[in-house]
N, C-alpha and C. Protein backbone atom coordinates (compact mmCIF):
# COMPACT_ATOMS: atom_id res chain seq x y z
N MET A 1 -29.24 26.10 -25.29
CA MET A 1 -30.91 25.81 -24.51
C MET A 1 -30.88 24.06 -24.13
N ALA A 2 -30.08 23.53 -24.41
CA ALA A 2 -29.70 21.90 -23.28
C ALA A 2 -30.14 22.62 -21.96
N TYR A 3 -28.92 23.47 -21.44
CA TYR A 3 -29.09 23.58 -20.79
C TYR A 3 -30.10 24.17 -19.62
N VAL A 4 -31.25 24.70 -20.33
CA VAL A 4 -32.25 25.15 -19.86
C VAL A 4 -33.29 23.71 -19.63
N ILE A 5 -33.48 23.06 -20.61
CA ILE A 5 -34.37 21.45 -20.34
C ILE A 5 -33.68 21.06 -19.58
N PHE A 6 -32.54 21.13 -19.46
CA PHE A 6 -31.98 20.40 -18.57
C PHE A 6 -32.51 20.93 -16.65
N SER A 7 -32.36 21.86 -16.99
CA SER A 7 -32.63 22.30 -15.50
C SER A 7 -34.47 22.09 -15.61
N ALA A 8 -34.88 22.47 -16.05
CA ALA A 8 -36.43 22.11 -15.99
C ALA A 8 -36.75 20.79 -15.78
N VAL A 9 -36.08 19.74 -16.25
CA VAL A 9 -35.79 18.84 -15.89
C VAL A 9 -35.59 18.48 -14.42
N SER A 10 -34.44 18.66 -14.07
CA SER A 10 -34.41 18.42 -13.00
C SER A 10 -34.79 19.35 -12.18
N THR A 11 -35.12 20.24 -11.97
CA THR A 11 -36.34 20.75 -11.23
C THR A 11 -37.33 19.82 -10.96
N LEU A 12 -38.91 20.11 -12.63
CA LEU A 12 -39.36 18.38 -11.60
C LEU A 12 -39.21 17.55 -11.58
N VAL A 13 -37.94 16.76 -11.79
CA VAL A 13 -37.46 15.29 -10.68
C VAL A 13 -37.67 15.56 -9.65
N TYR A 14 -37.03 17.16 -9.47
CA TYR A 14 -36.36 17.25 -7.59
C TYR A 14 -37.86 17.47 -6.83
N CYS A 15 -38.53 17.30 -7.79
CA CYS A 15 -40.61 17.72 -6.81
C CYS A 15 -41.11 15.41 -5.89
N ILE A 16 -40.52 15.00 -6.52
CA ILE A 16 -40.36 13.25 -5.87
C ILE A 16 -40.27 13.25 -5.54
N PRO A 17 -38.40 14.14 -4.77
CA PRO A 17 -36.92 13.31 -2.83
C PRO A 17 -37.81 14.24 -2.33
N ALA A 18 -38.61 15.62 -2.98
CA ALA A 18 -38.95 16.24 -2.23
C ALA A 18 -39.58 15.30 -1.28
N GLY A 19 -41.60 16.16 -2.38
CA GLY A 19 -42.28 14.47 -0.72
C GLY A 19 -42.17 13.82 -0.73
N TRP A 20 -40.74 12.71 -1.17
CA TRP A 20 -40.84 11.60 -0.21
C TRP A 20 -40.26 12.13 1.27
N LEU A 21 -38.96 13.29 1.45
CA LEU A 21 -38.91 13.52 2.28
C LEU A 21 -39.55 14.71 3.22
N TRP A 22 -40.45 15.72 2.68
CA TRP A 22 -41.50 16.84 3.15
C TRP A 22 -42.85 16.19 3.47
N GLY A 23 -43.61 15.60 2.68
CA GLY A 23 -44.83 15.86 2.26
C GLY A 23 -44.95 14.93 3.17
N ASN A 24 -46.39 14.98 3.72
CA ASN A 24 -47.45 14.83 4.84
C ASN A 24 -46.89 13.36 4.58
N HIS A 25 -47.50 12.85 3.57
CA HIS A 25 -47.82 11.39 2.99
C HIS A 25 -46.11 10.55 2.36
N GLY A 26 -45.10 11.20 2.54
CA GLY A 26 -44.16 10.96 1.94
C GLY A 26 -43.43 9.89 3.33
N PHE A 27 -42.28 8.39 2.55
CA PHE A 27 -42.68 6.84 2.82
C PHE A 27 -41.08 7.48 3.93
N LEU A 28 -40.19 8.09 3.12
CA LEU A 28 -39.30 8.63 4.03
C LEU A 28 -39.71 9.52 5.10
N LEU A 29 -40.64 10.27 5.33
CA LEU A 29 -40.28 11.67 6.55
C LEU A 29 -41.27 10.16 7.08
N LYS A 30 -41.86 8.79 6.86
CA LYS A 30 -42.23 7.60 7.87
C LYS A 30 -41.57 7.55 8.28
N LEU A 31 -41.14 6.71 7.68
CA LEU A 31 -39.73 5.78 7.97
C LEU A 31 -38.99 7.00 9.45
N GLY A 32 -38.97 8.03 9.35
CA GLY A 32 -38.48 8.82 10.11
C GLY A 32 -36.51 9.99 9.68
N ALA A 33 -36.78 9.53 8.56
CA ALA A 33 -35.99 10.50 7.70
C ALA A 33 -36.00 11.67 8.61
N VAL A 34 -34.18 11.76 8.46
CA VAL A 34 -33.98 13.51 8.77
C VAL A 34 -33.58 14.24 7.61
N ASP A 35 -34.56 15.10 7.08
CA ASP A 35 -32.83 15.47 5.96
C ASP A 35 -32.75 17.95 6.46
N ILE A 36 -31.20 17.29 6.45
CA ILE A 36 -30.33 18.35 7.03
C ILE A 36 -30.74 19.25 5.92
N ALA A 37 -31.35 20.27 6.25
CA ALA A 37 -31.09 21.72 4.32
C ALA A 37 -31.43 21.50 3.37
N GLY A 38 -31.72 19.56 3.55
CA GLY A 38 -32.47 19.92 1.39
C GLY A 38 -31.14 18.92 1.66
N SER A 39 -30.30 17.94 1.74
CA SER A 39 -29.29 18.14 1.07
C SER A 39 -29.26 16.47 1.05
N SER A 40 -30.02 16.17 1.86
CA SER A 40 -30.17 14.43 1.29
C SER A 40 -31.67 14.76 -0.32
N GLY A 41 -32.17 14.99 -0.38
CA GLY A 41 -32.99 15.28 -2.07
C GLY A 41 -31.92 15.90 -2.58
N VAL A 42 -31.81 17.25 -2.54
CA VAL A 42 -31.02 16.94 -3.20
C VAL A 42 -29.50 16.85 -3.79
N HIS A 43 -29.04 16.20 -3.44
CA HIS A 43 -28.16 15.71 -3.39
C HIS A 43 -28.34 14.20 -3.89
N LEU A 44 -29.40 13.31 -4.31
CA LEU A 44 -29.57 12.38 -4.29
C LEU A 44 -30.36 13.62 -6.41
N CYS A 45 -31.05 14.36 -6.12
CA CYS A 45 -31.29 14.51 -7.70
C CYS A 45 -29.90 14.64 -8.14
N GLY A 46 -29.36 15.84 -8.16
CA GLY A 46 -27.75 15.85 -8.54
C GLY A 46 -26.90 14.62 -8.62
N ALA A 47 -26.61 13.84 -7.80
CA ALA A 47 -26.11 12.73 -8.55
C ALA A 47 -27.45 12.12 -9.83
N ALA A 48 -28.16 11.77 -9.46
CA ALA A 48 -28.79 11.54 -10.29
C ALA A 48 -28.95 11.82 -12.46
N SER A 49 -29.03 13.04 -11.38
CA SER A 49 -28.69 14.42 -12.73
C SER A 49 -27.46 13.86 -14.24
N ALA A 50 -26.66 13.66 -12.87
CA ALA A 50 -24.94 13.77 -13.57
C ALA A 50 -24.37 12.11 -14.08
N LEU A 51 -25.53 11.47 -13.53
CA LEU A 51 -25.52 9.75 -13.78
C LEU A 51 -25.41 9.68 -15.40
N VAL A 52 -27.04 11.09 -15.51
CA VAL A 52 -27.46 10.32 -16.55
C VAL A 52 -27.11 11.07 -17.80
N ALA A 53 -26.28 12.51 -17.68
CA ALA A 53 -25.85 13.44 -18.36
C ALA A 53 -24.68 12.65 -18.95
N ALA A 54 -23.68 12.34 -17.64
CA ALA A 54 -23.03 11.72 -18.33
C ALA A 54 -22.82 10.58 -19.45
N LYS A 55 -24.03 10.44 -18.88
CA LYS A 55 -23.94 7.99 -19.70
C LYS A 55 -24.77 9.35 -21.01
N LEU A 56 -25.81 10.54 -21.47
CA LEU A 56 -26.11 11.19 -22.58
C LEU A 56 -24.64 11.38 -23.53
N VAL A 57 -23.78 12.11 -22.51
CA VAL A 57 -22.49 13.44 -23.31
C VAL A 57 -21.83 12.32 -24.25
N GLY A 58 -21.16 10.60 -22.75
CA GLY A 58 -19.87 9.63 -23.31
C GLY A 58 -18.66 10.50 -22.58
N PRO A 59 -17.25 9.50 -23.07
CA PRO A 59 -16.59 9.79 -23.11
C PRO A 59 -16.47 11.52 -23.68
N ARG A 60 -15.23 12.58 -22.82
CA ARG A 60 -14.69 13.18 -24.16
C ARG A 60 -13.50 12.86 -25.44
N LEU A 61 -14.09 12.66 -26.29
CA LEU A 61 -13.39 12.58 -27.10
C LEU A 61 -12.11 13.12 -27.76
N GLY A 62 -10.75 12.30 -27.95
CA GLY A 62 -9.21 13.27 -27.85
C GLY A 62 -8.39 12.99 -26.47
N ARG A 63 -9.38 12.55 -25.98
CA ARG A 63 -8.26 13.21 -23.49
C ARG A 63 -7.28 11.77 -23.53
N TYR A 64 -7.18 10.25 -24.61
CA TYR A 64 -5.97 9.91 -24.17
C TYR A 64 -5.81 10.04 -25.55
N ASP A 65 -5.70 10.95 -26.23
CA ASP A 65 -4.98 10.84 -27.80
C ASP A 65 -3.73 10.86 -27.51
N GLN A 66 -3.05 11.75 -26.17
CA GLN A 66 -0.98 12.18 -25.37
C GLN A 66 -0.83 10.94 -24.88
N GLY A 67 -1.46 9.74 -24.01
CA GLY A 67 -1.42 8.79 -22.76
C GLY A 67 -2.38 9.80 -22.16
N GLU A 68 -2.60 8.79 -21.09
CA GLU A 68 -2.51 8.52 -20.46
C GLU A 68 -2.66 9.84 -18.51
N ASP A 69 -1.78 11.38 -18.61
CA ASP A 69 -1.09 11.61 -17.56
C ASP A 69 -2.21 12.28 -17.72
N PRO A 70 -2.20 13.18 -16.05
CA PRO A 70 -3.03 14.30 -16.07
C PRO A 70 -3.03 14.86 -16.93
N LEU A 71 -3.77 16.03 -17.76
CA LEU A 71 -3.88 17.67 -17.98
C LEU A 71 -3.59 18.32 -17.04
N PRO A 72 -2.86 19.66 -17.60
CA PRO A 72 -2.95 20.66 -16.07
C PRO A 72 -4.09 21.34 -15.61
N MET A 73 -3.16 22.04 -14.72
CA MET A 73 -4.53 22.79 -14.37
C MET A 73 -4.78 23.68 -15.02
N GLY A 74 -6.33 24.52 -15.27
CA GLY A 74 -6.29 25.41 -16.22
C GLY A 74 -5.47 26.36 -15.67
N SER A 75 -6.14 27.18 -14.41
CA SER A 75 -6.33 27.98 -13.32
C SER A 75 -5.96 28.39 -12.50
N PRO A 76 -5.37 28.58 -11.51
CA PRO A 76 -4.53 28.03 -10.23
C PRO A 76 -5.89 29.13 -9.11
N THR A 77 -6.00 29.86 -9.96
CA THR A 77 -6.16 30.81 -9.06
C THR A 77 -7.53 30.91 -8.99
N TYR A 78 -8.69 30.62 -9.93
CA TYR A 78 -10.01 30.55 -10.86
C TYR A 78 -10.25 29.61 -9.26
N ALA A 79 -10.06 28.73 -9.34
CA ALA A 79 -9.32 27.16 -8.31
C ALA A 79 -9.51 27.75 -7.27
N ILE A 80 -9.10 28.08 -6.59
CA ILE A 80 -8.89 28.89 -5.17
C ILE A 80 -10.20 29.65 -4.60
N LEU A 81 -10.40 30.69 -6.35
CA LEU A 81 -11.74 31.57 -6.24
C LEU A 81 -13.13 30.90 -5.41
N GLY A 82 -12.91 29.52 -6.79
CA GLY A 82 -14.12 29.06 -6.62
C GLY A 82 -14.47 28.14 -5.66
N THR A 83 -12.89 27.63 -5.25
CA THR A 83 -13.14 27.10 -3.69
C THR A 83 -13.59 27.82 -2.46
N PHE A 84 -13.74 28.96 -2.04
CA PHE A 84 -13.94 29.69 -1.07
C PHE A 84 -14.95 30.75 -1.96
N MET A 85 -15.26 30.49 -2.71
CA MET A 85 -17.45 30.88 -3.34
C MET A 85 -17.68 29.76 -2.73
N LEU A 86 -17.43 28.45 -2.94
CA LEU A 86 -18.96 27.77 -2.38
C LEU A 86 -18.33 27.54 -1.02
N TRP A 87 -17.36 27.70 -0.24
CA TRP A 87 -16.99 27.31 0.83
C TRP A 87 -18.00 28.42 1.75
N TRP A 88 -18.38 29.87 0.95
CA TRP A 88 -19.33 30.83 1.99
C TRP A 88 -19.86 30.95 2.03
N GLY A 89 -20.45 30.00 0.15
CA GLY A 89 -21.75 29.36 0.25
C GLY A 89 -22.49 29.28 1.00
N TRP A 90 -22.04 28.11 1.62
CA TRP A 90 -22.55 26.93 2.17
C TRP A 90 -22.31 27.64 3.83
N LEU A 91 -20.77 28.00 4.34
CA LEU A 91 -21.22 28.71 5.44
C LEU A 91 -22.35 29.42 6.19
N ALA A 92 -22.54 30.71 4.38
CA ALA A 92 -24.02 31.16 4.58
C ALA A 92 -25.39 30.83 4.27
N PHE A 93 -25.44 29.92 3.60
CA PHE A 93 -26.81 29.22 4.12
C PHE A 93 -26.75 28.38 5.80
N ASN A 94 -25.90 27.66 5.36
CA ASN A 94 -26.21 26.58 7.29
C ASN A 94 -26.50 27.98 8.24
N CYS A 95 -25.00 28.39 8.12
CA CYS A 95 -25.47 29.77 9.44
C CYS A 95 -26.68 31.05 9.14
N GLY A 96 -27.54 30.25 7.85
CA GLY A 96 -28.40 31.56 8.07
C GLY A 96 -29.31 31.21 7.90
N ARG A 97 -29.73 29.71 8.33
CA ARG A 97 -30.40 29.19 8.49
C ARG A 97 -31.36 28.70 9.57
């Protein structure tokens, strides 16, 4: 339920920088901002959402109980698969545009 609420709020908040960038009334548009494939608005909202979420959630409890050594990687196969999925999605989106 928290994810649904967070997504809904993020969707509503996204309208603000989208209006700044693409609306005829948008001050960023009037300043001459060029937004390629929506990257500015998307990354602005994503960064702000991540900052708020990190502040609300706080640090992971017990993360440094056994020292400050890095945690072992969960699954290299999934890490590589996720990288290729992100890469393919980015490539398909930007080339299909």
